[in-house]
């Protein structure tokens, strides 16, 4: 079993969303964008998903060497993780099994913890 954890400041993600129009499309799938944008405070939800992607990448041992949209986080209250493309191929190569993810946020911070079981 492998563990990945990430913590990010929500205002940092809010600034990225405001300053860089392509940030949403580059980092989040269409379904993730629809979910986050439907919420009263979208930056909170974008930050949690961003932290989730980072945590999954760390647990897979790829760090941040993955394509952001190849890790999709969906579902509520228990988020699920779907891999695609090169990230999915990497996970298969390193013998990754089921991925468990937990995310949380406060007003200022979003955190995620990912556990990757051995296949």
C-alpha atoms as a PDB file:
ATOM      1  CA  UNK A   1       0.000   0.000   0.000  1.00  0.00           C
ATOM      2  CA  UNK A   2       1.175   3.502  -0.837  1.00  0.00           C
ATOM      3  CA  UNK A   3       0.064   6.835   0.617  1.00  0.00           C
ATOM      4  CA  UNK A   4      -0.020  10.323  -0.856  1.00  0.00           C
ATOM      5  CA  UNK A   5      -1.061  13.531   0.874  1.00  0.00           C
ATOM      6  CA  UNK A   6      -1.454  17.119  -0.265  1.00  0.00           C
ATOM      7  CA  UNK A   7      -2.480  20.411   1.322  1.00  0.00           C
ATOM      8  CA  UNK A   8      -3.171  23.592  -0.632  1.00  0.00           C
ATOM      9  CA  UNK A   9      -4.331  27.117   0.118  1.00  0.00           C
ATOM     10  CA  UNK A  10      -7.768  27.803  -1.356  1.00  0.00           C
ATOM     11  CA  UNK A  11      -6.921  31.481  -2.107  1.00  0.00           C
ATOM     12  CA  UNK A  12      -4.026  30.269  -4.276  1.00  0.00           C
ATOM     13  CA  UNK A  13      -6.436  28.241  -6.426  1.00  0.00           C
ATOM     14  CA  UNK A  14      -8.920  31.154  -6.472  1.00  0.00           C
ATOM     15  CA  UNK A  15      -6.180  33.411  -7.855  1.00  0.00           C
ATOM     16  CA  UNK A  16      -5.243  30.827 -10.510  1.00  0.00           C
ATOM     17  CA  UNK A  17      -8.894  30.551 -11.559  1.00  0.00           C
ATOM     18  CA  UNK A  18      -9.128  34.349 -11.894  1.00  0.00           C
ATOM     19  CA  UNK A  19      -5.771  35.034 -13.545  1.00  0.00           C
ATOM     20  CA  UNK A  20      -5.399  32.131 -15.941  1.00  0.00           C
ATOM     21  CA  UNK A  21      -8.447  31.394 -18.091  1.00  0.00           C
ATOM     22  CA  UNK A  22      -7.002  28.067 -19.277  1.00  0.00           C
ATOM     23  CA  UNK A  23      -6.333  26.740 -15.757  1.00  0.00           C
ATOM     24  CA  UNK A  24      -9.767  25.079 -15.442  1.00  0.00           C
ATOM     25  CA  UNK A  25      -9.537  23.334 -18.798  1.00  0.00           C
ATOM     26  CA  UNK A  26      -5.897  22.303 -18.358  1.00  0.00           C
ATOM     27  CA  UNK A  27      -6.289  20.756 -14.910  1.00  0.00           C
ATOM     28  CA  UNK A  28      -9.886  19.558 -14.635  1.00  0.00           C
ATOM     29  CA  UNK A  29     -12.161  17.357 -16.717  1.00  0.00           C
ATOM     30  CA  UNK A  30     -15.487  18.619 -18.004  1.00  0.00           C
ATOM     31  CA  UNK A  31     -17.330  16.687 -15.278  1.00  0.00           C
ATOM     32  CA  UNK A  32     -15.076  18.118 -12.555  1.00  0.00           C
ATOM     33  CA  UNK A  33     -15.617  21.656 -13.855  1.00  0.00           C
ATOM     34  CA  UNK A  34     -19.396  21.176 -13.969  1.00  0.00           C
ATOM     35  CA  UNK A  35     -19.402  19.906 -10.378  1.00  0.00           C
ATOM     36  CA  UNK A  36     -17.157  22.658  -8.971  1.00  0.00           C
ATOM     37  CA  UNK A  37     -18.865  25.459 -10.887  1.00  0.00           C
ATOM     38  CA  UNK A  38     -22.271  24.337  -9.578  1.00  0.00           C
ATOM     39  CA  UNK A  39     -21.212  25.010  -5.976  1.00  0.00           C
ATOM     40  CA  UNK A  40     -21.630  28.326  -4.072  1.00  0.00           C
ATOM     41  CA  UNK A  41     -17.834  28.574  -3.531  1.00  0.00           C
ATOM     42  CA  UNK A  42     -16.184  26.923  -6.573  1.00  0.00           C
ATOM     43  CA  UNK A  43     -12.550  27.602  -5.510  1.00  0.00           C
ATOM     44  CA  UNK A  44     -13.022  25.405  -2.400  1.00  0.00           C
ATOM     45  CA  UNK A  45     -14.051  22.468  -4.549  1.00  0.00           C
ATOM     46  CA  UNK A  46     -11.414  23.075  -7.224  1.00  0.00           C
ATOM     47  CA  UNK A  47      -8.766  23.216  -4.484  1.00  0.00           C
ATOM     48  CA  UNK A  48      -9.927  19.933  -2.939  1.00  0.00           C
ATOM     49  CA  UNK A  49      -9.802  18.222  -6.331  1.00  0.00           C
ATOM     50  CA  UNK A  50      -6.410  19.756  -7.097  1.00  0.00           C
ATOM     51  CA  UNK A  51      -5.090  18.412  -3.780  1.00  0.00           C
ATOM     52  CA  UNK A  52      -6.718  15.063  -4.585  1.00  0.00           C
ATOM     53  CA  UNK A  53      -4.911  14.816  -7.914  1.00  0.00           C
ATOM     54  CA  UNK A  54      -1.600  15.702  -6.252  1.00  0.00           C
ATOM     55  CA  UNK A  55      -2.175  13.110  -3.505  1.00  0.00           C
ATOM     56  CA  UNK A  56      -3.011  10.409  -6.059  1.00  0.00           C
ATOM     57  CA  UNK A  57       0.090  11.268  -8.105  1.00  0.00           C
ATOM     58  CA  UNK A  58       2.256  11.022  -5.007  1.00  0.00           C
ATOM     59  CA  UNK A  59       0.707   7.715  -3.954  1.00  0.00           C
ATOM     60  CA  UNK A  60       1.306   6.312  -7.446  1.00  0.00           C
ATOM     61  CA  UNK A  61       4.936   7.362  -7.203  1.00  0.00           C
ATOM     62  CA  UNK A  62       4.713   9.643 -10.206  1.00  0.00           C
ATOM     63  CA  UNK A  63       4.767  12.860  -8.178  1.00  0.00           C
ATOM     64  CA  UNK A  64       3.440  15.625 -10.373  1.00  0.00           C
ATOM     65  CA  UNK A  65       4.587  13.942 -13.594  1.00  0.00           C
ATOM     66  CA  UNK A  66       1.076  13.212 -14.798  1.00  0.00           C
ATOM     67  CA  UNK A  67      -1.460  14.920 -17.001  1.00  0.00           C
ATOM     68  CA  UNK A  68      -3.931  16.677 -14.727  1.00  0.00           C
ATOM     69  CA  UNK A  69      -7.047  15.549 -16.588  1.00  0.00           C
ATOM     70  CA  UNK A  70      -5.884  11.911 -16.540  1.00  0.00           C
ATOM     71  CA  UNK A  71      -6.799  11.788 -12.849  1.00  0.00           C
ATOM     72  CA  UNK A  72     -10.519  12.436 -12.545  1.00  0.00           C
ATOM     73  CA  UNK A  73     -12.206  12.795  -9.173  1.00  0.00           C
ATOM     74  CA  UNK A  74     -15.959  12.312  -9.069  1.00  0.00           C
ATOM     75  CA  UNK A  75     -18.618  11.428  -6.600  1.00  0.00           C
ATOM     76  CA  UNK A  76     -19.905  12.630  -3.320  1.00  0.00           C
ATOM     77  CA  UNK A  77     -19.769  12.147  -0.413  1.00  0.00           C
ATOM     78  CA  UNK A  78     -17.111   9.475  -1.118  1.00  0.00           C
ATOM     79  CA  UNK A  79     -14.947  10.619  -4.021  1.00  0.00           C
ATOM     80  CA  UNK A  80     -13.874   8.062  -6.589  1.00  0.00           C
ATOM     81  CA  UNK A  81     -10.778   8.218  -8.765  1.00  0.00           C
ATOM     82  CA  UNK A  82     -10.648   7.313 -12.448  1.00  0.00           C
ATOM     83  CA  UNK A  83      -7.329   7.165 -14.289  1.00  0.00           C
ATOM     84  CA  UNK A  84      -6.803   7.409 -18.034  1.00  0.00           C
ATOM     85  CA  UNK A  85      -4.026   7.759 -20.592  1.00  0.00           C
ATOM     86  CA  UNK A  86      -0.378   7.702 -19.525  1.00  0.00           C
ATOM     87  CA  UNK A  87      -1.301   7.946 -15.851  1.00  0.00           C
ATOM     88  CA  UNK A  88      -3.395   4.778 -16.092  1.00  0.00           C
ATOM     89  CA  UNK A  89      -0.560   3.024 -17.936  1.00  0.00           C
ATOM     90  CA  UNK A  90       1.892   4.140 -15.231  1.00  0.00           C
ATOM     91  CA  UNK A  91      -0.414   2.817 -12.493  1.00  0.00           C
ATOM     92  CA  UNK A  92      -0.598  -0.567 -14.239  1.00  0.00           C
ATOM     93  CA  UNK A  93       3.198  -0.658 -14.654  1.00  0.00           C
ATOM     94  CA  UNK A  94       3.820  -0.025 -10.949  1.00  0.00           C
ATOM     95  CA  UNK A  95       1.200  -2.564  -9.843  1.00  0.00           C
ATOM     96  CA  UNK A  96      -1.317  -0.110  -8.431  1.00  0.00           C
ATOM     97  CA  UNK A  97      -4.637  -1.538  -7.346  1.00  0.00           C
ATOM     98  CA  UNK A  98      -7.691   0.204  -5.931  1.00  0.00           C
ATOM     99  CA  UNK A  99      -7.355   3.885  -5.056  1.00  0.00           C
ATOM    100  CA  UNK A 100      -9.064   5.322  -1.985  1.00  0.00           C
ATOM    101  CA  UNK A 101      -9.300   9.094  -1.624  1.00  0.00           C
ATOM    102  CA  UNK A 102     -10.431  11.372   1.176  1.00  0.00           C
ATOM    103  CA  UNK A 103     -10.696  15.143   0.739  1.00  0.00           C
ATOM    104  CA  UNK A 104     -11.616  17.952   3.099  1.00  0.00           C
ATOM    105  CA  UNK A 105     -11.505  21.731   3.219  1.00  0.00           C
ATOM    106  CA  UNK A 106     -11.851  24.639   5.593  1.00  0.00           C
ATOM    107  CA  UNK A 107     -12.186  28.285   4.618  1.00  0.00           C
ATOM    108  CA  UNK A 108      -8.488  28.576   3.833  1.00  0.00           C
ATOM    109  CA  UNK A 109      -7.123  25.090   3.172  1.00  0.00           C
ATOM    110  CA  UNK A 110      -7.989  21.978   1.188  1.00  0.00           C
ATOM    111  CA  UNK A 111      -6.405  18.614   1.934  1.00  0.00           C
ATOM    112  CA  UNK A 112      -6.483  15.173   0.375  1.00  0.00           C
ATOM    113  CA  UNK A 113      -5.138  11.774   1.339  1.00  0.00           C
ATOM    114  CA  UNK A 114      -4.859   8.959  -1.200  1.00  0.00           C
ATOM    115  CA  UNK A 115      -4.209   5.292  -0.522  1.00  0.00           C
ATOM    116  CA  UNK A 116      -3.213   3.034  -3.386  1.00  0.00           C
ATOM    117  CA  UNK A 117      -3.492  -0.677  -2.725  1.00  0.00           C
ATOM    118  CA  UNK A 118      -1.135  -3.164  -4.343  1.00  0.00           C
ATOM    119  CA  UNK A 119      -2.728  -4.994  -7.269  1.00  0.00           C
END
